[in-house]
Amino acid sequence: MPWFVKQETFLRPYAAMKPHLEAHHRWVEDLRRTGVVISSGYLVDGEGRPGGGGLLLLEASSYTEAEELVRCDPMVRSGGVEWRLQQWRPAVGDLELR
């Protein structure tokens, strides 16, 4: 099944986004419990400080399915992030599709 990557950056301060981030974590865990292969994390700078945004990796049968899931993400629904979704097609390296 294809992999998709959602990249996002905050448009609001962390304090304003924290409740949406907590809802996002619950949303990801709920999807995992239903069998969706999904993982979420944040980006940090060379000193380990967050602020570079976040990445969400997920498997879906199509771009349309992945986009429908992403549009349900509490972070996206909040309007507090700028985001984009892309399919990832591995070409070389240790990671491969199942």
C-alpha atoms as a PDB file:
ATOM      1  CA  MET A   1       0.000   0.000   0.000  1.00  0.00           C
ATOM      2  CA  PRO A   2       1.362   3.489  -0.804  1.00  0.00           C
ATOM      3  CA  TRP A   3       2.885   5.761   1.824  1.00  0.00           C
ATOM      4  CA  PHE A   4       1.941   9.416   2.214  1.00  0.00           C
ATOM      5  CA  VAL A   5       3.658  12.255   4.056  1.00  0.00           C
ATOM      6  CA  LYS A   6       1.876  15.277   5.508  1.00  0.00           C
ATOM      7  CA  GLN A   7       4.221  18.136   6.359  1.00  0.00           C
ATOM      8  CA  GLU A   8       2.951  21.035   8.425  1.00  0.00           C
ATOM      9  CA  THR A   9       4.071  24.249  10.065  1.00  0.00           C
ATOM     10  CA  PHE A  10       2.305  26.150  12.825  1.00  0.00           C
ATOM     11  CA  LEU A  11       0.595  29.408  11.929  1.00  0.00           C
ATOM     12  CA  ARG A  12      -0.153  30.215  15.582  1.00  0.00           C
ATOM     13  CA  PRO A  13       1.920  30.149  18.784  1.00  0.00           C
ATOM     14  CA  TYR A  14       2.423  26.791  20.483  1.00  0.00           C
ATOM     15  CA  ALA A  15       0.176  27.746  23.418  1.00  0.00           C
ATOM     16  CA  ALA A  16      -2.735  28.333  21.049  1.00  0.00           C
ATOM     17  CA  MET A  17      -2.082  25.041  19.260  1.00  0.00           C
ATOM     18  CA  LYS A  18      -1.485  22.844  22.317  1.00  0.00           C
ATOM     19  CA  PRO A  19      -5.148  21.727  22.716  1.00  0.00           C
ATOM     20  CA  HIS A  20      -5.281  20.831  19.009  1.00  0.00           C
ATOM     21  CA  LEU A  21      -1.978  18.992  19.289  1.00  0.00           C
ATOM     22  CA  GLU A  22      -3.326  16.931  22.188  1.00  0.00           C
ATOM     23  CA  ALA A  23      -6.459  16.149  20.148  1.00  0.00           C
ATOM     24  CA  HIS A  24      -4.192  15.233  17.224  1.00  0.00           C
ATOM     25  CA  HIS A  25      -2.331  12.689  19.398  1.00  0.00           C
ATOM     26  CA  ARG A  26      -5.629  11.091  20.438  1.00  0.00           C
ATOM     27  CA  TRP A  27      -6.793  11.065  16.805  1.00  0.00           C
ATOM     28  CA  VAL A  28      -3.612   9.262  15.688  1.00  0.00           C
ATOM     29  CA  GLU A  29      -3.930   6.702  18.499  1.00  0.00           C
ATOM     30  CA  ASP A  30      -7.595   6.092  17.634  1.00  0.00           C
ATOM     31  CA  LEU A  31      -6.676   5.491  13.986  1.00  0.00           C
ATOM     32  CA  ARG A  32      -3.889   3.115  15.020  1.00  0.00           C
ATOM     33  CA  ARG A  33      -6.370   1.106  17.090  1.00  0.00           C
ATOM     34  CA  THR A  34      -8.532   0.673  13.970  1.00  0.00           C
ATOM     35  CA  GLY A  35      -5.573  -0.696  12.000  1.00  0.00           C
ATOM     36  CA  VAL A  36      -4.442   2.417  10.117  1.00  0.00           C
ATOM     37  CA  VAL A  37      -0.643   2.457   9.757  1.00  0.00           C
ATOM     38  CA  ILE A  38       0.196   6.005  10.834  1.00  0.00           C
ATOM     39  CA  SER A  39       2.939   7.802  12.739  1.00  0.00           C
ATOM     40  CA  SER A  40       3.283  11.432  13.763  1.00  0.00           C
ATOM     41  CA  GLY A  41       6.156  13.505  15.073  1.00  0.00           C
ATOM     42  CA  TYR A  42       7.688  16.950  15.167  1.00  0.00           C
ATOM     43  CA  LEU A  43      10.822  18.441  13.684  1.00  0.00           C
ATOM     44  CA  VAL A  44      13.604  19.984  15.777  1.00  0.00           C
ATOM     45  CA  ASP A  45      16.618  22.121  14.987  1.00  0.00           C
ATOM     46  CA  GLY A  46      20.289  21.257  15.574  1.00  0.00           C
ATOM     47  CA  GLU A  47      19.904  22.066  19.270  1.00  0.00           C
ATOM     48  CA  GLY A  48      16.866  19.811  19.662  1.00  0.00           C
ATOM     49  CA  ARG A  49      14.398  22.704  19.870  1.00  0.00           C
ATOM     50  CA  PRO A  50      11.003  22.185  18.233  1.00  0.00           C
ATOM     51  CA  GLY A  51       9.600  24.757  15.879  1.00  0.00           C
ATOM     52  CA  GLY A  52      10.298  23.307  12.462  1.00  0.00           C
ATOM     53  CA  GLY A  53       6.830  21.832  12.136  1.00  0.00           C
ATOM     54  CA  GLY A  54       5.733  18.246  12.002  1.00  0.00           C
ATOM     55  CA  LEU A  55       5.460  15.181   9.822  1.00  0.00           C
ATOM     56  CA  LEU A  56       2.722  12.602   9.616  1.00  0.00           C
ATOM     57  CA  LEU A  57       3.398   9.341   7.790  1.00  0.00           C
ATOM     58  CA  LEU A  58       0.564   7.051   6.802  1.00  0.00           C
ATOM     59  CA  GLU A  59      -0.370   4.205   4.538  1.00  0.00           C
ATOM     60  CA  ALA A  60      -3.493   4.574   2.429  1.00  0.00           C
ATOM     61  CA  SER A  61      -4.855   2.946  -0.689  1.00  0.00           C
ATOM     62  CA  SER A  62      -4.891   6.230  -2.634  1.00  0.00           C
ATOM     63  CA  TYR A  63      -4.085   9.927  -2.456  1.00  0.00           C
ATOM     64  CA  THR A  64      -7.806  10.619  -2.070  1.00  0.00           C
ATOM     65  CA  GLU A  65      -8.061   8.312   0.951  1.00  0.00           C
ATOM     66  CA  ALA A  66      -4.964   9.849   2.540  1.00  0.00           C
ATOM     67  CA  GLU A  67      -6.272  13.365   1.961  1.00  0.00           C
ATOM     68  CA  GLU A  68      -9.657  12.488   3.485  1.00  0.00           C
ATOM     69  CA  LEU A  69      -7.880  11.241   6.615  1.00  0.00           C
ATOM     70  CA  VAL A  70      -5.597  14.291   6.823  1.00  0.00           C
ATOM     71  CA  ARG A  71      -8.534  16.679   6.504  1.00  0.00           C
ATOM     72  CA  CYS A  72      -9.965  15.059   9.674  1.00  0.00           C
ATOM     73  CA  ASP A  73      -6.765  15.755  11.626  1.00  0.00           C
ATOM     74  CA  PRO A  74      -7.539  18.146  14.518  1.00  0.00           C
ATOM     75  CA  MET A  75      -4.422  20.145  13.633  1.00  0.00           C
ATOM     76  CA  VAL A  76      -5.711  20.702  10.102  1.00  0.00           C
ATOM     77  CA  ARG A  77      -9.295  21.298  11.222  1.00  0.00           C
ATOM     78  CA  SER A  78      -8.091  23.977  13.651  1.00  0.00           C
ATOM     79  CA  GLY A  79      -6.835  26.119  10.769  1.00  0.00           C
ATOM     80  CA  GLY A  80      -3.674  26.678  12.789  1.00  0.00           C
ATOM     81  CA  VAL A  81      -1.283  24.880  10.449  1.00  0.00           C
ATOM     82  CA  GLU A  82      -0.169  25.213   6.895  1.00  0.00           C
ATOM     83  CA  TRP A  83       0.131  21.731   5.415  1.00  0.00           C
ATOM     84  CA  ARG A  84       0.766  19.739   2.302  1.00  0.00           C
ATOM     85  CA  LEU A  85       0.332  16.080   1.463  1.00  0.00           C
ATOM     86  CA  GLN A  86       2.511  14.060  -0.874  1.00  0.00           C
ATOM     87  CA  GLN A  87       2.843  10.404  -1.781  1.00  0.00           C
ATOM     88  CA  TRP A  88       6.253   8.945  -1.042  1.00  0.00           C
ATOM     89  CA  ARG A  89       7.730   6.492  -3.521  1.00  0.00           C
ATOM     90  CA  PRO A  90      10.914   4.894  -2.204  1.00  0.00           C
ATOM     91  CA  ALA A  91      13.672   4.585  -4.776  1.00  0.00           C
ATOM     92  CA  VAL A  92      16.800   3.516  -2.898  1.00  0.00           C
ATOM     93  CA  GLY A  93      17.736   2.802   0.724  1.00  0.00           C
ATOM     94  CA  ASP A  94      16.729   0.634   3.650  1.00  0.00           C
ATOM     95  CA  LEU A  95      13.069   1.586   3.891  1.00  0.00           C
ATOM     96  CA  GLU A  96      10.652  -0.192   1.634  1.00  0.00           C
ATOM     97  CA  LEU A  97       6.933  -0.647   1.185  1.00  0.00           C
ATOM     98  CA  ARG A  98       5.324  -3.706   2.732  1.00  0.00           C
END
